[in-house]
Protein backbone atom coordinates (compact mmCIF):
# COMPACT_ATOMS: atom_id res chain seq x y z
CA MET A 1 26.73 -0.16 -1.89
CA SER A 2 30.10 0.81 -2.62
CA ASP A 3 31.67 -0.11 -6.22
CA GLN A 4 35.07 -0.95 -4.06
CA GLY A 5 33.09 -3.91 -2.14
CA GLU A 6 31.51 -4.67 1.00
CA ASN A 7 34.50 -3.54 3.04
CA GLU A 8 34.08 0.20 1.76
CA GLN A 9 30.82 0.61 3.23
CA ARG A 10 30.10 3.22 5.98
CA GLY A 11 26.96 3.67 8.28
CA VAL A 12 23.93 1.79 8.65
CA VAL A 13 23.74 -1.55 6.68
CA PHE A 14 21.93 -4.64 6.31
CA PRO A 15 23.76 -7.44 7.97
CA ALA A 16 26.20 -9.58 6.03
CA GLY A 17 25.11 -13.22 5.68
CA PRO A 18 27.46 -16.14 6.12
CA ASP A 19 28.44 -15.68 2.46
CA GLY A 20 29.48 -12.33 3.07
CA ARG A 21 26.52 -10.69 1.25
CA ARG A 22 24.02 -8.39 2.61
CA SER A 23 20.72 -9.44 1.58
CA THR A 24 17.99 -7.19 1.91
CA ALA A 25 15.33 -10.19 1.13
CA ALA A 26 16.53 -12.01 4.26
CA VAL A 27 16.22 -9.14 6.46
CA GLY A 28 12.51 -8.07 4.94
CA ARG A 29 11.49 -11.66 5.54
CA ALA A 30 12.60 -11.82 8.91
CA VAL A 31 11.16 -8.60 9.89
CA VAL A 32 7.64 -8.90 8.43
CA ALA A 33 7.52 -12.81 10.54
CA ASP A 34 8.68 -11.14 13.62
CA ALA A 35 6.23 -8.26 13.14
CA LEU A 36 3.31 -10.81 12.61
CA ARG A 37 4.49 -13.12 15.42
CA PRO A 38 2.79 -11.65 18.11
CA VAL A 39 -0.83 -11.54 16.36
CA ASP A 40 -0.50 -14.11 13.76
CA ARG A 41 1.86 -17.11 14.62
CA PRO A 42 0.63 -18.91 11.21
CA GLY A 43 1.25 -15.56 9.18
CA ALA A 44 4.79 -15.45 10.91
CA LEU A 45 5.62 -18.89 9.94
CA ALA A 46 4.18 -18.48 5.92
CA ALA A 47 6.70 -15.32 5.89
CA GLU A 48 9.66 -17.37 7.08
CA GLN A 49 8.83 -20.19 4.75
CA GLU A 50 8.38 -17.89 1.68
CA THR A 51 11.10 -19.24 -0.72
CA ASN A 52 10.59 -16.29 -3.12
CA TRP A 53 10.57 -13.22 -1.28
CA ARG A 54 11.54 -10.48 -4.34
CA THR A 55 8.19 -11.48 -5.90
CA GLY A 56 6.08 -12.86 -2.78
CA TYR A 57 6.48 -10.31 -0.26
CA LEU A 58 3.07 -8.46 -1.05
CA ALA A 59 1.08 -11.20 0.61
CA HIS A 60 2.90 -11.17 3.49
CA VAL A 61 3.15 -7.48 3.76
CA ARG A 62 -0.69 -7.49 3.25
CA ARG A 63 -0.94 -9.86 6.22
CA THR A 64 0.70 -7.42 8.64
CA VAL A 65 -1.97 -4.67 7.39
CA GLU A 66 -4.89 -7.28 7.94
CA ALA A 67 -3.41 -8.59 11.33
CA GLY A 68 -3.26 -4.69 12.65
CA LEU A 69 -6.81 -4.03 11.71
CA ALA A 70 -8.20 -6.28 14.56
CA SER A 71 -7.66 -3.61 16.98
CA ARG A 72 -5.32 -0.64 18.27
CA GLU A 73 -3.57 -3.00 20.33
CA ALA A 74 -2.90 -5.54 17.34
CA ALA A 75 -1.66 -2.55 15.11
CA LEU A 76 0.70 -1.39 17.86
CA GLN A 77 1.94 -4.89 18.63
CA VAL A 78 2.55 -5.76 14.54
CA ALA A 79 4.42 -2.22 14.39
CA GLY A 80 6.44 -2.43 17.69
CA ALA A 81 7.60 -5.98 16.81
CA GLY A 82 8.38 -5.00 13.17
CA LEU A 83 10.73 -2.06 14.46
CA ASP A 84 12.02 -4.05 17.23
CA SER A 85 13.12 -6.76 14.77
CA LEU A 86 14.65 -4.45 12.12
CA HIS A 87 16.40 -2.45 15.07
CA SER A 88 18.03 -5.64 16.41
CA ARG A 89 19.15 -6.75 12.61
CA MET A 90 20.75 -4.00 11.03
CA ARG A 91 24.21 -2.83 11.86
CA VAL A 92 26.85 -0.15 11.63
CA ALA A 93 29.69 -0.64 9.16
CA GLY A 94 32.79 0.96 10.47
CA PRO A 95 36.51 0.50 9.19
CA ASP A 96 37.19 -2.73 11.23
CA ALA A 97 33.84 -4.41 11.38
CA ASP A 98 30.24 -4.17 11.68
CA ALA A 99 28.51 -3.09 15.03
CA PRO A 100 24.98 -3.24 16.50
CA LEU A 101 22.76 -0.57 15.85
CA ASP A 102 22.62 0.51 19.38
CA VAL A 103 26.30 2.28 18.73
CA LEU A 104 24.60 4.99 17.22
CA ARG A 105 22.87 6.39 20.24
CA THR A 106 26.25 7.25 21.95
CA ARG A 107 28.75 7.58 18.97
CA PRO A 108 29.74 10.94 18.44
CA ALA A 109 28.19 12.40 14.87
CA ALA A 110 30.72 12.00 11.94
CA ARG A 111 29.34 15.03 10.43
CA ALA A 112 27.28 17.87 10.92
CA LEU A 113 23.75 17.76 8.81
CA ARG A 114 23.25 20.82 6.73
CA THR A 115 20.42 22.48 4.85
CA VAL A 116 20.60 22.84 1.09
CA GLU A 117 17.79 24.99 -1.06
CA LEU A 118 17.51 23.96 -4.60
CA ALA A 119 15.42 26.07 -6.43
CA GLY A 120 13.46 24.44 -9.64
CA GLU A 121 13.52 25.93 -12.94
CA ALA A 122 10.63 24.13 -14.68
CA GLU A 123 7.12 25.47 -15.00
CA PRO A 124 4.85 23.41 -12.02
CA GLU A 125 2.32 20.92 -13.13
CA ARG A 126 -1.34 22.77 -12.71
CA GLU A 127 -3.45 19.39 -13.28
CA LEU A 128 -3.12 16.32 -11.29
CA SER A 129 -1.90 13.48 -13.63
CA VAL A 130 -1.29 9.78 -12.95
CA PRO A 131 1.22 7.70 -14.31
CA TYR A 132 -0.13 4.48 -15.96
CA ARG A 133 1.41 2.16 -18.54
CA GLY A 134 3.79 4.62 -19.84
CA GLN A 135 1.41 7.43 -20.24
CA ARG A 136 0.18 10.19 -17.94
CA LEU A 137 -3.59 10.09 -17.39
CA ARG A 138 -5.38 13.49 -16.97
CA GLY A 139 -8.82 14.87 -17.05
CA ASP A 140 -11.44 12.62 -19.00
CA ALA A 141 -8.92 10.03 -19.42
CA LEU A 142 -8.48 9.81 -15.46
CA HIS A 143 -11.87 9.88 -14.79
CA ARG A 144 -12.53 7.25 -17.17
CA ARG A 145 -9.83 4.99 -15.79
CA LEU A 146 -11.21 5.67 -12.35
CA VAL A 147 -14.43 4.28 -13.26
CA ALA A 148 -12.70 1.18 -14.72
CA TRP A 149 -10.57 0.71 -11.95
CA VAL A 150 -13.79 0.70 -9.51
CA ASP A 151 -15.68 -1.79 -11.70
CA ALA A 152 -12.79 -4.06 -11.76
CA GLY A 153 -12.04 -4.21 -8.09
CA VAL A 154 -8.66 -2.54 -8.44
CA VAL A 155 -9.30 0.39 -6.31
CA GLU A 156 -12.18 1.15 -3.42
CA PRO A 157 -14.94 3.92 -4.45
CA SER A 158 -13.55 5.86 -1.83
CA CYS A 159 -10.05 5.99 -3.33
CA ALA A 160 -11.45 6.96 -6.88
CA ASP A 161 -13.61 9.61 -5.30
CA ALA A 162 -10.49 11.26 -3.53
CA VAL A 163 -8.39 11.40 -6.98
CA ARG A 164 -11.44 12.78 -8.56
CA THR A 165 -11.74 15.31 -5.86
CA VAL A 166 -7.94 16.55 -5.90
CA ALA A 167 -8.25 16.44 -9.93
CA ASP A 168 -11.52 18.78 -9.52
CA HIS A 169 -9.26 21.16 -7.11
CA PRO A 170 -5.69 21.40 -9.23
CA GLU A 171 -4.95 24.58 -6.77
CA TRP A 172 -4.59 21.90 -3.68
CA LEU A 173 -1.15 20.46 -5.80
CA ALA A 174 0.70 23.66 -4.81
CA LEU A 175 1.98 23.83 -1.33
CA PRO A 176 3.35 27.33 -0.86
CA ASP A 177 4.68 27.62 2.69
CA ARG A 178 4.58 24.03 3.62
CA THR A 179 7.57 21.97 4.29
CA VAL A 180 7.14 18.18 3.37
CA ALA A 181 9.83 15.97 4.77
CA VAL A 182 10.27 12.82 3.04
CA LEU A 183 12.12 9.68 3.97
CA GLY A 184 13.51 7.31 1.47
CA ALA A 185 13.00 10.06 -1.51
CA GLY A 186 14.38 7.65 -4.03
CA ALA A 187 11.56 5.08 -3.43
CA GLU A 188 9.37 3.68 -5.98
CA MET A 189 6.30 4.60 -4.43
CA GLY A 190 7.33 7.68 -2.76
CA PRO A 191 5.75 11.02 -3.16
CA LEU A 192 8.90 12.94 -4.23
CA THR A 193 8.77 13.27 -7.93
CA ALA A 194 4.95 14.56 -7.65
CA LEU A 195 5.67 16.87 -4.90
CA LEU A 196 8.53 18.33 -7.24
CA ARG A 197 6.35 18.89 -10.47
CA TRP A 198 3.77 20.18 -8.48
């Protein structure tokens, strides 16, 4: 969001509400509800009625995953309805007013994309480490934590086995001659930081 205010935004933006503010929570709630609606009407209603989306959204997102597990068709319905909903809600901010996202299909590009190569100078990590409570778990400490997580039901045994397998093969962390595209690179759960470390 621009420091100069809403009027200075350009490009794809969240829609402005009646008060002029762009609420990610309102869009998130509506999109999840729309995604659920074809296969889980009670779930859609629960998402629509969530009063504290910022802390309550996880249960509803989980419900979209569970709803899609019923069948391939259900998964495609959830995904398709969610994408359609998001596409119909997002806007393109221009100099005069917001426009529907569809205008980007015909509007000429404002600038050309280009490639930039940044060469890292730090020594790559040669051992798998997992962030946990302000520290990085590796080696025996990581293996002990995985056992504790499985025992507590935090992760499935297959998840712990997969992490152990990677920890036992640190050579897998290096990805020479591979190209990885990361969308939402700054996202909290995104892989960019780990990929850059390796």
